[in-house]
Amino acid sequence: MNKYFSIPASFALFLAGVISAQAAPTVRLELALKQARYTGPCPVTLIGNLHMTVDAACIVEYGTTRSDGVTSALLAAKFAAAGSKDIAVEFPFSGDLRGWVQAGARTSKALALFGPAGILSNRVTVEVICRAASITAAELPCQTEVSGGCCSVQACSTIRVTGHGFGAAQGTHRLLIDGTPASSITSWSDTAILAAAAIRLGEHTTTIAMDDGAAVLSNTLNIRFLMTWYMYGPRGCRAGADVTLEVWGGGTSQGARTLIMTNAGAPEYPMEIISWTGTGDTGADRASIHFRVPAGIPIPLSAYLLEIKSGGSFVSKTLSFGVLPAGPSAR
C-alpha cells in the first residue's frame, strides 16, 4: 500500500487560504481627540490618540481620514507580541470642517486601508472654524481695592479683552459683548482692546467676540464673572463672633447659596447665616450677609478665605479674613 498520496491543487490553495486567514492577527482601533471643537486662526493641527490593540505579533500599517476625503500618509506600528499601544496622530486643517475624523489600519498590503475589508476606528465628530483673530481672556479693570477697606467697587463700565490677531487699528472691526457692539472703543491694538461696556458685577457669563459688521472674525469666548465683595466691617473677628459683609449681585435672599470659610489645605467650614437680604442679582444690587463664625474653627489662622458657593460651585471671588481665638467680640 502506497503511504504517499497527492492533494489536488485546488484543495491545496483552499487549505493555504484557511491557514492564512487563521494566522491573520486581530486589530482593534479606538480614536479620541484632545480637542474636537476649535475656533481661531488657521492652519491648525488637532491632536488625537489612537489606541491600537493586537492579539499577536505583527506590523500594522495605519493612517487617518476625514469626512471631506483628506487622508494622511501611511505609518507603521510594530508589535513584538500581543498587546496595546497609544499612538499620537495629527489632523491638520487649513479651512473649516464640520464633520468627522477616523483612523484605519491593515496587516496586509493587499487590503485597501479604508476599503470594505479595512480595519476602522470609531468616527469622532469635529468642528473646525477658521477665524482671523483669537480672544483668550477678558477682565474688568474698573474693579479696585482701596486702602483700609476691601474691594470698594466703582461702577463697572469698562472691559479689557486680550488675545491676538485683532489688527493694529480698529478699522471696521467691532467688539461684540453678548452679541451687541461695544458702545465705544477706548483703545485698540493687535493684542488688546479696551472698550466701554456695562458689565454686571454679579455672578454671570458674558460672551465676547469680534466681527466686521458682516462676519464674525474671532472665536466666541464665554467669560464667567463672579460676585465681587463690596465692603465689610472688620478685617477679621474672633471665633464665635457675628460679622456683616456685602456683596454685589448677592440676590434678595440666601436661597441655595452657602458662605464658606477655608484656606489652602484646610477643609471648608460653612458659616452660620443669621440673615441674608438684598435687592437683586445684578451688578447694581448688593446683598447684606450677617453670619456667625463657628466657635470650633481651628485657631489661629490669620488668612482664611471667604467664598460663596451655589450648586457645588463657587460663585464669588475670595475675601481674605482673619480669625482669632474665641473671646470678647471683635466687632
C-alpha atoms as a PDB file:
ATOM      1  CA  MET A   1       0.000   0.000   0.000  1.00  0.00           C
ATOM      2  CA  ASN A   2       1.374   3.378  -1.011  1.00  0.00           C
ATOM      3  CA  LYS A   3       1.875   5.670   2.044  1.00  0.00           C
ATOM      4  CA  TYR A   4       2.117   8.749  -0.132  1.00  0.00           C
ATOM      5  CA  PHE A   5      -0.701  10.423  -1.977  1.00  0.00           C
ATOM      6  CA  SER A   6      -1.153  13.772  -3.753  1.00  0.00           C
ATOM      7  CA  ILE A   7      -3.526  16.626  -2.819  1.00  0.00           C
ATOM      8  CA  PRO A   8      -5.420  18.248  -5.649  1.00  0.00           C
ATOM      9  CA  ALA A   9      -4.099  21.745  -6.421  1.00  0.00           C
ATOM     10  CA  SER A  10      -7.478  23.391  -5.826  1.00  0.00           C
ATOM     11  CA  PHE A  11      -7.734  21.872  -2.333  1.00  0.00           C
ATOM     12  CA  ALA A  12      -4.162  22.957  -1.544  1.00  0.00           C
ATOM     13  CA  LEU A  13      -4.993  26.544  -2.409  1.00  0.00           C
ATOM     14  CA  PHE A  14      -8.124  26.378  -0.262  1.00  0.00           C
ATOM     15  CA  LEU A  15      -6.170  24.974   2.679  1.00  0.00           C
ATOM     16  CA  ALA A  16      -3.480  27.643   2.371  1.00  0.00           C
ATOM     17  CA  GLY A  17      -6.178  30.327   2.427  1.00  0.00           C
ATOM     18  CA  VAL A  18      -7.723  28.869   5.593  1.00  0.00           C
ATOM     19  CA  ILE A  19      -4.344  28.708   7.341  1.00  0.00           C
ATOM     20  CA  SER A  20      -3.546  32.271   6.233  1.00  0.00           C
ATOM     21  CA  ALA A  21      -6.908  33.554   7.467  1.00  0.00           C
ATOM     22  CA  GLN A  22      -6.408  31.842  10.811  1.00  0.00           C
ATOM     23  CA  ALA A  23      -2.947  33.370  11.143  1.00  0.00           C
ATOM     24  CA  ALA A  24      -4.092  36.955  10.448  1.00  0.00           C
ATOM     25  CA  PRO A  25      -3.908  38.986  13.686  1.00  0.00           C
ATOM     26  CA  THR A  26      -6.941  40.792  15.048  1.00  0.00           C
ATOM     27  CA  VAL A  27      -6.529  44.567  15.299  1.00  0.00           C
ATOM     28  CA  ARG A  28      -8.813  46.923  17.218  1.00  0.00           C
ATOM     29  CA  LEU A  29      -8.678  50.722  16.982  1.00  0.00           C
ATOM     30  CA  GLU A  30     -10.084  53.388  19.272  1.00  0.00           C
ATOM     31  CA  LEU A  31      -9.676  57.069  18.385  1.00  0.00           C
ATOM     32  CA  ALA A  32     -10.028  60.102  20.698  1.00  0.00           C
ATOM     33  CA  LEU A  33      -9.213  63.804  20.236  1.00  0.00           C
ATOM     34  CA  LYS A  34      -7.835  66.126  22.888  1.00  0.00           C
ATOM     35  CA  GLN A  35      -9.894  68.943  21.326  1.00  0.00           C
ATOM     36  CA  ALA A  36     -12.745  68.195  18.935  1.00  0.00           C
ATOM     37  CA  ARG A  37     -14.039  71.776  18.543  1.00  0.00           C
ATOM     38  CA  TYR A  38     -11.820  74.683  17.532  1.00  0.00           C
ATOM     39  CA  THR A  39     -12.404  78.285  16.506  1.00  0.00           C
ATOM     40  CA  GLY A  40      -9.435  80.530  15.775  1.00  0.00           C
ATOM     41  CA  PRO A  41      -6.560  81.191  13.374  1.00  0.00           C
ATOM     42  CA  CYS A  42      -5.671  78.528  10.794  1.00  0.00           C
ATOM     43  CA  PRO A  43      -3.760  76.461   9.817  1.00  0.00           C
ATOM     44  CA  VAL A  44      -4.213  74.429  12.984  1.00  0.00           C
ATOM     45  CA  THR A  45      -3.487  70.824  13.920  1.00  0.00           C
ATOM     46  CA  LEU A  46      -5.773  68.824  16.200  1.00  0.00           C
ATOM     47  CA  ILE A  47      -4.006  66.089  18.144  1.00  0.00           C
ATOM     48  CA  GLY A  48      -5.598  62.683  18.636  1.00  0.00           C
ATOM     49  CA  ASN A  49      -4.770  59.455  20.430  1.00  0.00           C
ATOM     50  CA  LEU A  50      -5.115  56.171  18.568  1.00  0.00           C
ATOM     51  CA  HIS A  51      -5.352  53.217  20.938  1.00  0.00           C
ATOM     52  CA  MET A  52      -4.306  50.134  18.953  1.00  0.00           C
ATOM     53  CA  THR A  53      -4.669  46.568  20.244  1.00  0.00           C
ATOM     54  CA  VAL A  54      -3.466  43.366  18.542  1.00  0.00           C
ATOM     55  CA  ASP A  55      -3.737  39.706  19.586  1.00  0.00           C
ATOM     56  CA  ALA A  56      -0.447  38.578  18.022  1.00  0.00           C
ATOM     57  CA  ALA A  57       2.942  39.844  16.909  1.00  0.00           C
ATOM     58  CA  CYS A  58       2.581  41.831  13.686  1.00  0.00           C
ATOM     59  CA  ILE A  59       3.273  45.052  11.819  1.00  0.00           C
ATOM     60  CA  VAL A  60       0.230  47.271  11.407  1.00  0.00           C
ATOM     61  CA  GLU A  61       0.050  49.987   8.781  1.00  0.00           C
ATOM     62  CA  TYR A  62      -2.287  52.809   9.758  1.00  0.00           C
ATOM     63  CA  GLY A  63      -3.444  56.243   8.677  1.00  0.00           C
ATOM     64  CA  THR A  64      -6.252  58.750   9.117  1.00  0.00           C
ATOM     65  CA  THR A  65      -9.077  60.116   7.008  1.00  0.00           C
ATOM     66  CA  ARG A  66     -11.692  62.887   7.258  1.00  0.00           C
ATOM     67  CA  SER A  67     -15.250  63.386   6.102  1.00  0.00           C
ATOM     68  CA  ASP A  68     -14.003  65.757   3.378  1.00  0.00           C
ATOM     69  CA  GLY A  69     -11.866  62.973   1.873  1.00  0.00           C
ATOM     70  CA  VAL A  70      -8.439  64.147   3.099  1.00  0.00           C
ATOM     71  CA  THR A  71      -6.237  61.201   4.116  1.00  0.00           C
ATOM     72  CA  SER A  72      -2.848  61.065   5.804  1.00  0.00           C
ATOM     73  CA  ALA A  73       0.329  59.281   4.759  1.00  0.00           C
ATOM     74  CA  LEU A  74       0.715  55.653   5.870  1.00  0.00           C
ATOM     75  CA  LEU A  75       2.693  54.903   9.024  1.00  0.00           C
ATOM     76  CA  ALA A  76       3.573  51.607  10.683  1.00  0.00           C
ATOM     77  CA  ALA A  77       3.421  50.255  14.232  1.00  0.00           C
ATOM     78  CA  LYS A  78       5.401  47.134  15.135  1.00  0.00           C
ATOM     79  CA  PHE A  79       4.176  44.734  17.814  1.00  0.00           C
ATOM     80  CA  ALA A  80       6.592  42.080  19.094  1.00  0.00           C
ATOM     81  CA  ALA A  81       3.712  40.311  20.826  1.00  0.00           C
ATOM     82  CA  ALA A  82       0.032  40.718  21.581  1.00  0.00           C
ATOM     83  CA  GLY A  83      -0.698  43.995  23.375  1.00  0.00           C
ATOM     84  CA  SER A  84      -1.753  47.623  23.055  1.00  0.00           C
ATOM     85  CA  LYS A  85      -0.156  50.934  22.127  1.00  0.00           C
ATOM     86  CA  ASP A  86      -1.253  54.566  22.351  1.00  0.00           C
ATOM     87  CA  ILE A  87      -0.180  56.412  19.209  1.00  0.00           C
ATOM     88  CA  ALA A  88      -0.360  60.190  18.719  1.00  0.00           C
ATOM     89  CA  VAL A  89      -1.997  61.131  15.409  1.00  0.00           C
ATOM     90  CA  GLU A  90      -2.334  64.561  13.839  1.00  0.00           C
ATOM     91  CA  PHE A  91      -5.197  66.120  11.887  1.00  0.00           C
ATOM     92  CA  PRO A  92      -4.032  69.343  10.148  1.00  0.00           C
ATOM     93  CA  PHE A  93      -6.665  71.850   8.984  1.00  0.00           C
ATOM     94  CA  SER A  94      -6.274  74.893   6.765  1.00  0.00           C
ATOM     95  CA  GLY A  95     -10.007  75.596   6.440  1.00  0.00           C
ATOM     96  CA  ASP A  96     -13.373  74.990   8.065  1.00  0.00           C
ATOM     97  CA  LEU A  97     -14.715  71.487   8.619  1.00  0.00           C
ATOM     98  CA  ARG A  98     -17.875  70.310  10.311  1.00  0.00           C
ATOM     99  CA  GLY A  99     -17.715  66.549  10.009  1.00  0.00           C
ATOM    100  CA  TRP A 100     -15.694  63.640  11.374  1.00  0.00           C
ATOM    101  CA  VAL A 101     -12.242  62.096  11.513  1.00  0.00           C
ATOM    102  CA  GLN A 102     -11.326  58.410  11.621  1.00  0.00           C
ATOM    103  CA  ALA A 103      -8.336  56.085  11.678  1.00  0.00           C
ATOM    104  CA  GLY A 104      -7.811  52.936   9.634  1.00  0.00           C
ATOM    105  CA  ALA A 105      -5.342  50.047   9.695  1.00  0.00           C
ATOM    106  CA  ARG A 106      -4.294  46.942   7.786  1.00  0.00           C
ATOM    107  CA  THR A 107      -1.989  43.988   8.320  1.00  0.00           C
ATOM    108  CA  SER A 108      -1.665  43.144   4.633  1.00  0.00           C
ATOM    109  CA  LYS A 109      -0.730  45.391   1.742  1.00  0.00           C
ATOM    110  CA  ALA A 110      -3.366  43.563  -0.289  1.00  0.00           C
ATOM    111  CA  LEU A 111      -6.068  45.348   1.689  1.00  0.00           C
ATOM    112  CA  ALA A 112      -7.245  48.881   0.971  1.00  0.00           C
ATOM    113  CA  LEU A 113      -6.764  50.907   4.153  1.00  0.00           C
ATOM    114  CA  PHE A 114     -10.249  52.426   4.117  1.00  0.00           C
ATOM    115  CA  GLY A 115     -11.866  49.838   1.893  1.00  0.00           C
ATOM    116  CA  PRO A 116     -14.641  47.390   2.790  1.00  0.00           C
ATOM    117  CA  ALA A 117     -12.140  44.952   4.318  1.00  0.00           C
ATOM    118  CA  GLY A 118     -10.171  47.630   6.175  1.00  0.00           C
ATOM    119  CA  ILE A 119      -9.915  47.862   9.944  1.00  0.00           C
ATOM    120  CA  LEU A 120     -11.593  51.105  11.028  1.00  0.00           C
ATOM    121  CA  SER A 121     -11.756  53.030  14.278  1.00  0.00           C
ATOM    122  CA  ASN A 122     -14.739  54.885  15.621  1.00  0.00           C
ATOM    123  CA  ARG A 123     -15.556  58.222  13.992  1.00  0.00           C
ATOM    124  CA  VAL A 124     -15.026  61.363  16.077  1.00  0.00           C
ATOM    125  CA  THR A 125     -17.159  64.403  15.308  1.00  0.00           C
ATOM    126  CA  VAL A 126     -15.118  67.583  14.801  1.00  0.00           C
ATOM    127  CA  GLU A 127     -15.884  71.236  14.206  1.00  0.00           C
ATOM    128  CA  VAL A 128     -13.094  73.484  12.969  1.00  0.00           C
ATOM    129  CA  ILE A 129     -13.959  77.121  12.273  1.00  0.00           C
ATOM    130  CA  CYS A 130     -11.092  79.234  10.979  1.00  0.00           C
ATOM    131  CA  ARG A 131     -11.114  82.834  12.174  1.00  0.00           C
ATOM    132  CA  ALA A 132      -8.528  85.585  11.789  1.00  0.00           C
ATOM    133  CA  ALA A 133      -8.482  86.548  15.475  1.00  0.00           C
ATOM    134  CA  SER A 134      -8.365  84.687  18.763  1.00  0.00           C
ATOM    135  CA  ILE A 135      -9.799  86.058  22.026  1.00  0.00           C
ATOM    136  CA  THR A 136      -8.160  84.415  25.041  1.00  0.00           C
ATOM    137  CA  ALA A 137      -9.248  86.458  28.093  1.00  0.00           C
ATOM    138  CA  ALA A 138     -11.388  89.337  29.361  1.00  0.00           C
ATOM    139  CA  GLU A 139     -11.369  91.253  32.633  1.00  0.00           C
ATOM    140  CA  LEU A 140     -12.990  94.234  34.311  1.00  0.00           C
ATOM    141  CA  PRO A 141     -10.181  96.723  35.077  1.00  0.00           C
ATOM    142  CA  CYS A 142     -12.627  99.056  36.853  1.00  0.00           C
ATOM    143  CA  GLN A 143     -12.642  96.880  39.973  1.00  0.00           C
ATOM    144  CA  THR A 144     -10.335  98.500  42.529  1.00  0.00           C
ATOM    145  CA  GLU A 145      -9.289  97.760  46.065  1.00  0.00           C
ATOM    146  CA  VAL A 146      -8.949 100.790  48.317  1.00  0.00           C
ATOM    147  CA  SER A 147      -6.679 101.155  51.319  1.00  0.00           C
ATOM    148  CA  GLY A 148      -8.380 100.454  54.630  1.00  0.00           C
ATOM    149  CA  GLY A 149     -11.287  98.596  53.050  1.00  0.00           C
ATOM    150  CA  CYS A 150     -11.790  95.639  50.847  1.00  0.00           C
ATOM    151  CA  CYS A 151     -12.992  95.777  47.302  1.00  0.00           C
ATOM    152  CA  SER A 152     -14.865  99.055  47.210  1.00  0.00           C
ATOM    153  CA  VAL A 153     -16.023  98.806  43.607  1.00  0.00           C
ATOM    154  CA  GLN A 154     -16.662 101.569  41.100  1.00  0.00           C
ATOM    155  CA  ALA A 155     -19.498 101.384  38.593  1.00  0.00           C
ATOM    156  CA  CYS A 156     -18.116  98.931  36.045  1.00  0.00           C
ATOM    157  CA  SER A 157     -18.313 100.413  32.562  1.00  0.00           C
ATOM    158  CA  THR A 158     -15.039  99.169  31.022  1.00  0.00           C
ATOM    159  CA  ILE A 159     -13.844  95.784  29.802  1.00  0.00           C
ATOM    160  CA  ARG A 160     -10.352  94.753  28.658  1.00  0.00           C
ATOM    161  CA  VAL A 161     -10.120  91.946  26.078  1.00  0.00           C
ATOM    162  CA  THR A 162      -6.808  90.272  25.221  1.00  0.00           C
ATOM    163  CA  GLY A 163      -5.716  87.821  22.529  1.00  0.00           C
ATOM    164  CA  HIS A 164      -4.084  88.191  19.109  1.00  0.00           C
ATOM    165  CA  GLY A 165      -4.968  88.974  15.509  1.00  0.00           C
ATOM    166  CA  PHE A 166      -7.261  91.932  16.302  1.00  0.00           C
ATOM    167  CA  GLY A 167      -5.406  94.241  13.910  1.00  0.00           C
ATOM    168  CA  ALA A 168      -3.194  97.240  14.652  1.00  0.00           C
ATOM    169  CA  ALA A 169      -6.179  99.586  14.270  1.00  0.00           C
ATOM    170  CA  GLN A 170      -9.893  99.052  14.726  1.00  0.00           C
ATOM    171  CA  GLY A 171     -10.989  99.914  11.191  1.00  0.00           C
ATOM    172  CA  THR A 172     -14.395  98.321  10.565  1.00  0.00           C
ATOM    173  CA  HIS A 173     -13.966  95.768  13.356  1.00  0.00           C
ATOM    174  CA  ARG A 174     -16.378  95.689  16.290  1.00  0.00           C
ATOM    175  CA  LEU A 175     -16.180  94.134  19.745  1.00  0.00           C
ATOM    176  CA  LEU A 176     -19.343  92.168  20.488  1.00  0.00           C
ATOM    177  CA  ILE A 177     -20.478  91.763  24.079  1.00  0.00           C
ATOM    178  CA  ASP A 178     -23.360  89.320  24.385  1.00  0.00           C
ATOM    179  CA  GLY A 179     -23.910  89.885  20.659  1.00  0.00           C
ATOM    180  CA  THR A 180     -24.115  93.691  20.919  1.00  0.00           C
ATOM    181  CA  PRO A 181     -21.317  96.017  19.699  1.00  0.00           C
ATOM    182  CA  ALA A 182     -19.484  97.874  22.474  1.00  0.00           C
ATOM    183  CA  SER A 183     -20.734 101.461  22.663  1.00  0.00           C
ATOM    184  CA  SER A 184     -17.239 102.939  22.285  1.00  0.00           C
ATOM    185  CA  ILE A 185     -13.629 101.762  21.983  1.00  0.00           C
ATOM    186  CA  THR A 186     -11.041 103.406  24.251  1.00  0.00           C
ATOM    187  CA  SER A 187      -8.007 101.700  22.699  1.00  0.00           C
ATOM    188  CA  TRP A 188      -7.367  99.012  20.069  1.00  0.00           C
ATOM    189  CA  SER A 189      -4.205  97.051  19.268  1.00  0.00           C
ATOM    190  CA  ASP A 190      -3.395  93.682  17.756  1.00  0.00           C
ATOM    191  CA  THR A 191      -3.361  92.037  21.193  1.00  0.00           C
ATOM    192  CA  ALA A 192      -5.671  94.116  23.437  1.00  0.00           C
ATOM    193  CA  ILE A 193      -8.951  96.028  23.266  1.00  0.00           C
ATOM    194  CA  LEU A 194     -10.265  98.407  25.927  1.00  0.00           C
ATOM    195  CA  ALA A 195     -13.946  99.186  25.452  1.00  0.00           C
ATOM    196  CA  ALA A 196     -16.888 100.810  27.177  1.00  0.00           C
ATOM    197  CA  ALA A 197     -19.408  98.215  28.285  1.00  0.00           C
ATOM    198  CA  ALA A 198     -21.997  97.910  31.015  1.00  0.00           C
ATOM    199  CA  ILE A 199     -20.902  94.653  32.670  1.00  0.00           C
ATOM    200  CA  ARG A 200     -22.831  93.312  35.635  1.00  0.00           C
ATOM    201  CA  LEU A 201     -20.774  92.718  38.745  1.00  0.00           C
ATOM    202  CA  GLY A 202     -22.888  89.785  39.918  1.00  0.00           C
ATOM    203  CA  GLU A 203     -22.152  86.160  39.022  1.00  0.00           C
ATOM    204  CA  HIS A 204     -22.954  85.608  35.325  1.00  0.00           C
ATOM    205  CA  THR A 205     -21.477  84.575  31.967  1.00  0.00           C
ATOM    206  CA  THR A 206     -20.744  87.090  29.202  1.00  0.00           C
ATOM    207  CA  THR A 207     -19.887  86.202  25.580  1.00  0.00           C
ATOM    208  CA  ILE A 208     -17.116  88.124  23.797  1.00  0.00           C
ATOM    209  CA  ALA A 209     -16.420  88.086  20.045  1.00  0.00           C
ATOM    210  CA  MET A 210     -15.155  90.315  17.228  1.00  0.00           C
ATOM    211  CA  ASP A 211     -16.713  90.973  13.816  1.00  0.00           C
ATOM    212  CA  ASP A 212     -16.519  93.431  10.925  1.00  0.00           C
ATOM    213  CA  GLY A 213     -20.233  94.123  10.709  1.00  0.00           C
ATOM    214  CA  ALA A 214     -20.765  91.313   8.205  1.00  0.00           C
ATOM    215  CA  ALA A 215     -18.992  88.208   9.533  1.00  0.00           C
ATOM    216  CA  VAL A 216     -17.599  87.029  12.854  1.00  0.00           C
ATOM    217  CA  LEU A 217     -13.785  87.153  12.690  1.00  0.00           C
ATOM    218  CA  SER A 218     -12.880  85.521  16.008  1.00  0.00           C
ATOM    219  CA  ASN A 219     -13.827  82.754  18.336  1.00  0.00           C
ATOM    220  CA  THR A 220     -16.625  83.410  20.836  1.00  0.00           C
ATOM    221  CA  LEU A 221     -15.260  83.393  24.364  1.00  0.00           C
ATOM    222  CA  ASN A 222     -17.522  82.709  27.333  1.00  0.00           C
ATOM    223  CA  ILE A 223     -16.298  84.633  30.379  1.00  0.00           C
ATOM    224  CA  ARG A 224     -17.703  83.765  33.792  1.00  0.00           C
ATOM    225  CA  PHE A 225     -17.699  86.695  36.180  1.00  0.00           C
ATOM    226  CA  LEU A 226     -18.057  86.097  39.908  1.00  0.00           C
ATOM    227  CA  MET A 227     -19.774  88.057  42.654  1.00  0.00           C
ATOM    228  CA  THR A 228     -17.493  90.804  43.937  1.00  0.00           C
ATOM    229  CA  TRP A 229     -17.280  91.809  47.582  1.00  0.00           C
ATOM    230  CA  TYR A 230     -18.310  95.419  48.182  1.00  0.00           C
ATOM    231  CA  MET A 231     -17.423  96.111  51.798  1.00  0.00           C
ATOM    232  CA  TYR A 232     -17.491  94.710  55.291  1.00  0.00           C
ATOM    233  CA  GLY A 233     -16.771  95.976  58.795  1.00  0.00           C
ATOM    234  CA  PRO A 234     -13.753  94.231  60.330  1.00  0.00           C
ATOM    235  CA  ARG A 235     -10.861  92.591  58.514  1.00  0.00           C
ATOM    236  CA  GLY A 236     -11.490  89.625  60.796  1.00  0.00           C
ATOM    237  CA  CYS A 237     -13.066  88.578  64.069  1.00  0.00           C
ATOM    238  CA  ARG A 238     -12.853  86.124  66.941  1.00  0.00           C
ATOM    239  CA  ALA A 239     -14.244  82.609  66.603  1.00  0.00           C
ATOM    240  CA  GLY A 240     -17.921  82.631  67.559  1.00  0.00           C
ATOM    241  CA  ALA A 241     -18.412  86.316  66.627  1.00  0.00           C
ATOM    242  CA  ASP A 242     -21.032  87.769  64.280  1.00  0.00           C
ATOM    243  CA  VAL A 243     -19.989  89.641  61.124  1.00  0.00           C
ATOM    244  CA  THR A 244     -21.839  91.572  58.406  1.00  0.00           C
ATOM    245  CA  LEU A 245     -20.475  91.985  54.881  1.00  0.00           C
ATOM    246  CA  GLU A 246     -21.867  92.979  51.492  1.00  0.00           C
ATOM    247  CA  VAL A 247     -21.507  91.511  48.015  1.00  0.00           C
ATOM    248  CA  TRP A 248     -22.525  92.669  44.543  1.00  0.00           C
ATOM    249  CA  GLY A 249     -25.336  90.653  42.979  1.00  0.00           C
ATOM    250  CA  GLY A 250     -25.934  88.530  46.070  1.00  0.00           C
ATOM    251  CA  GLY A 251     -29.655  88.110  45.433  1.00  0.00           C
ATOM    252  CA  THR A 252     -32.653  89.044  47.568  1.00  0.00           C
ATOM    253  CA  SER A 253     -32.220  86.053  49.904  1.00  0.00           C
ATOM    254  CA  GLN A 254     -29.818  83.229  50.623  1.00  0.00           C
ATOM    255  CA  GLY A 255     -31.603  80.610  48.523  1.00  0.00           C
ATOM    256  CA  ALA A 256     -29.277  77.707  47.744  1.00  0.00           C
ATOM    257  CA  ARG A 257     -26.147  79.725  48.466  1.00  0.00           C
ATOM    258  CA  THR A 258     -23.723  78.925  51.269  1.00  0.00           C
ATOM    259  CA  LEU A 259     -20.909  81.015  52.728  1.00  0.00           C
ATOM    260  CA  ILE A 260     -17.700  79.019  53.117  1.00  0.00           C
ATOM    261  CA  MET A 261     -14.520  79.768  55.065  1.00  0.00           C
ATOM    262  CA  THR A 262     -11.436  77.817  54.017  1.00  0.00           C
ATOM    263  CA  ASN A 263      -7.710  78.001  53.481  1.00  0.00           C
ATOM    264  CA  ALA A 264      -5.093  76.184  51.423  1.00  0.00           C
ATOM    265  CA  GLY A 265      -5.087  72.585  52.606  1.00  0.00           C
ATOM    266  CA  ALA A 266      -7.884  73.225  55.110  1.00  0.00           C
ATOM    267  CA  PRO A 267     -11.429  71.845  54.902  1.00  0.00           C
ATOM    268  CA  GLU A 268     -14.415  74.054  54.083  1.00  0.00           C
ATOM    269  CA  TYR A 269     -16.256  75.475  57.092  1.00  0.00           C
ATOM    270  CA  PRO A 270     -19.832  76.633  56.394  1.00  0.00           C
ATOM    271  CA  MET A 271     -20.775  79.858  58.179  1.00  0.00           C
ATOM    272  CA  GLU A 272     -23.994  80.096  60.179  1.00  0.00           C
ATOM    273  CA  ILE A 273     -26.192  82.568  58.267  1.00  0.00           C
ATOM    274  CA  ILE A 274     -28.199  84.831  60.562  1.00  0.00           C
ATOM    275  CA  SER A 275     -29.725  86.924  57.782  1.00  0.00           C
ATOM    276  CA  TRP A 276     -29.248  87.432  54.030  1.00  0.00           C
ATOM    277  CA  THR A 277     -31.050  90.350  52.407  1.00  0.00           C
ATOM    278  CA  GLY A 278     -30.567  92.173  49.127  1.00  0.00           C
ATOM    279  CA  THR A 279     -32.246  93.887  46.208  1.00  0.00           C
ATOM    280  CA  GLY A 280     -31.402  91.526  43.318  1.00  0.00           C
ATOM    281  CA  ASP A 281     -28.840  89.537  41.328  1.00  0.00           C
ATOM    282  CA  THR A 282     -27.476  92.234  39.023  1.00  0.00           C
ATOM    283  CA  GLY A 283     -24.245  94.131  39.434  1.00  0.00           C
ATOM    284  CA  ALA A 284     -26.189  97.190  40.577  1.00  0.00           C
ATOM    285  CA  ASP A 285     -27.607  95.249  43.524  1.00  0.00           C
ATOM    286  CA  ARG A 286     -25.842  94.461  46.787  1.00  0.00           C
ATOM    287  CA  ALA A 287     -26.745  91.843  49.368  1.00  0.00           C
ATOM    288  CA  SER A 288     -26.018  92.171  53.071  1.00  0.00           C
ATOM    289  CA  ILE A 289     -24.933  88.917  54.712  1.00  0.00           C
ATOM    290  CA  HIS A 290     -24.987  88.645  58.507  1.00  0.00           C
ATOM    291  CA  PHE A 291     -23.237  85.469  59.694  1.00  0.00           C
ATOM    292  CA  ARG A 292     -21.535  83.849  62.663  1.00  0.00           C
ATOM    293  CA  VAL A 293     -18.044  82.317  62.562  1.00  0.00           C
ATOM    294  CA  PRO A 294     -18.133  78.855  64.233  1.00  0.00           C
ATOM    295  CA  ALA A 295     -16.567  78.839  67.692  1.00  0.00           C
ATOM    296  CA  GLY A 296     -14.918  75.484  66.969  1.00  0.00           C
ATOM    297  CA  ILE A 297     -12.971  76.576  63.863  1.00  0.00           C
ATOM    298  CA  PRO A 298      -9.246  75.686  64.172  1.00  0.00           C
ATOM    299  CA  ILE A 299      -7.234  78.600  65.531  1.00  0.00           C
ATOM    300  CA  PRO A 300      -5.167  80.503  64.781  1.00  0.00           C
ATOM    301  CA  LEU A 301      -5.171  81.253  61.060  1.00  0.00           C
ATOM    302  CA  SER A 302      -4.831  84.888  60.114  1.00  0.00           C
ATOM    303  CA  ALA A 303      -5.604  84.393  56.422  1.00  0.00           C
ATOM    304  CA  TYR A 304      -8.771  82.404  55.912  1.00  0.00           C
ATOM    305  CA  LEU A 305     -10.725  82.914  52.703  1.00  0.00           C
ATOM    306  CA  LEU A 306     -14.459  83.600  52.488  1.00  0.00           C
ATOM    307  CA  GLU A 307     -16.314  82.456  49.367  1.00  0.00           C
ATOM    308  CA  ILE A 308     -19.926  81.898  48.329  1.00  0.00           C
ATOM    309  CA  LYS A 309     -20.963  78.553  46.820  1.00  0.00           C
ATOM    310  CA  SER A 310     -24.108  77.634  44.930  1.00  0.00           C
ATOM    311  CA  GLY A 311     -24.896  74.206  43.487  1.00  0.00           C
ATOM    312  CA  GLY A 312     -21.430  72.959  44.435  1.00  0.00           C
ATOM    313  CA  SER A 313     -19.610  75.724  42.515  1.00  0.00           C
ATOM    314  CA  PHE A 314     -18.003  78.912  43.794  1.00  0.00           C
ATOM    315  CA  VAL A 315     -19.905  81.973  42.567  1.00  0.00           C
ATOM    316  CA  SER A 316     -17.931  84.742  44.298  1.00  0.00           C
ATOM    317  CA  LYS A 317     -14.386  85.958  44.444  1.00  0.00           C
ATOM    318  CA  THR A 318     -12.359  85.160  47.547  1.00  0.00           C
ATOM    319  CA  LEU A 319     -12.143  87.521  50.502  1.00  0.00           C
ATOM    320  CA  SER A 320      -9.226  87.387  52.971  1.00  0.00           C
ATOM    321  CA  PHE A 321     -10.476  87.155  56.546  1.00  0.00           C
ATOM    322  CA  GLY A 322      -8.579  86.578  59.801  1.00  0.00           C
ATOM    323  CA  VAL A 323      -9.878  84.621  62.798  1.00  0.00           C
ATOM    324  CA  LEU A 324      -8.631  84.959  66.393  1.00  0.00           C
ATOM    325  CA  PRO A 325      -9.275  82.597  69.305  1.00  0.00           C
ATOM    326  CA  ALA A 326     -12.742  82.829  70.882  1.00  0.00           C
ATOM    327  CA  GLY A 327     -13.128  85.597  73.422  1.00  0.00           C
ATOM    328  CA  PRO A 328     -14.625  89.092  73.648  1.00  0.00           C
ATOM    329  CA  SER A 329     -16.230  90.123  70.365  1.00  0.00           C
ATOM    330  CA  ALA A 330     -14.013  91.938  67.884  1.00  0.00           C
ATOM    331  CA  ARG A 331     -16.975  93.732  66.356  1.00  0.00           C
END
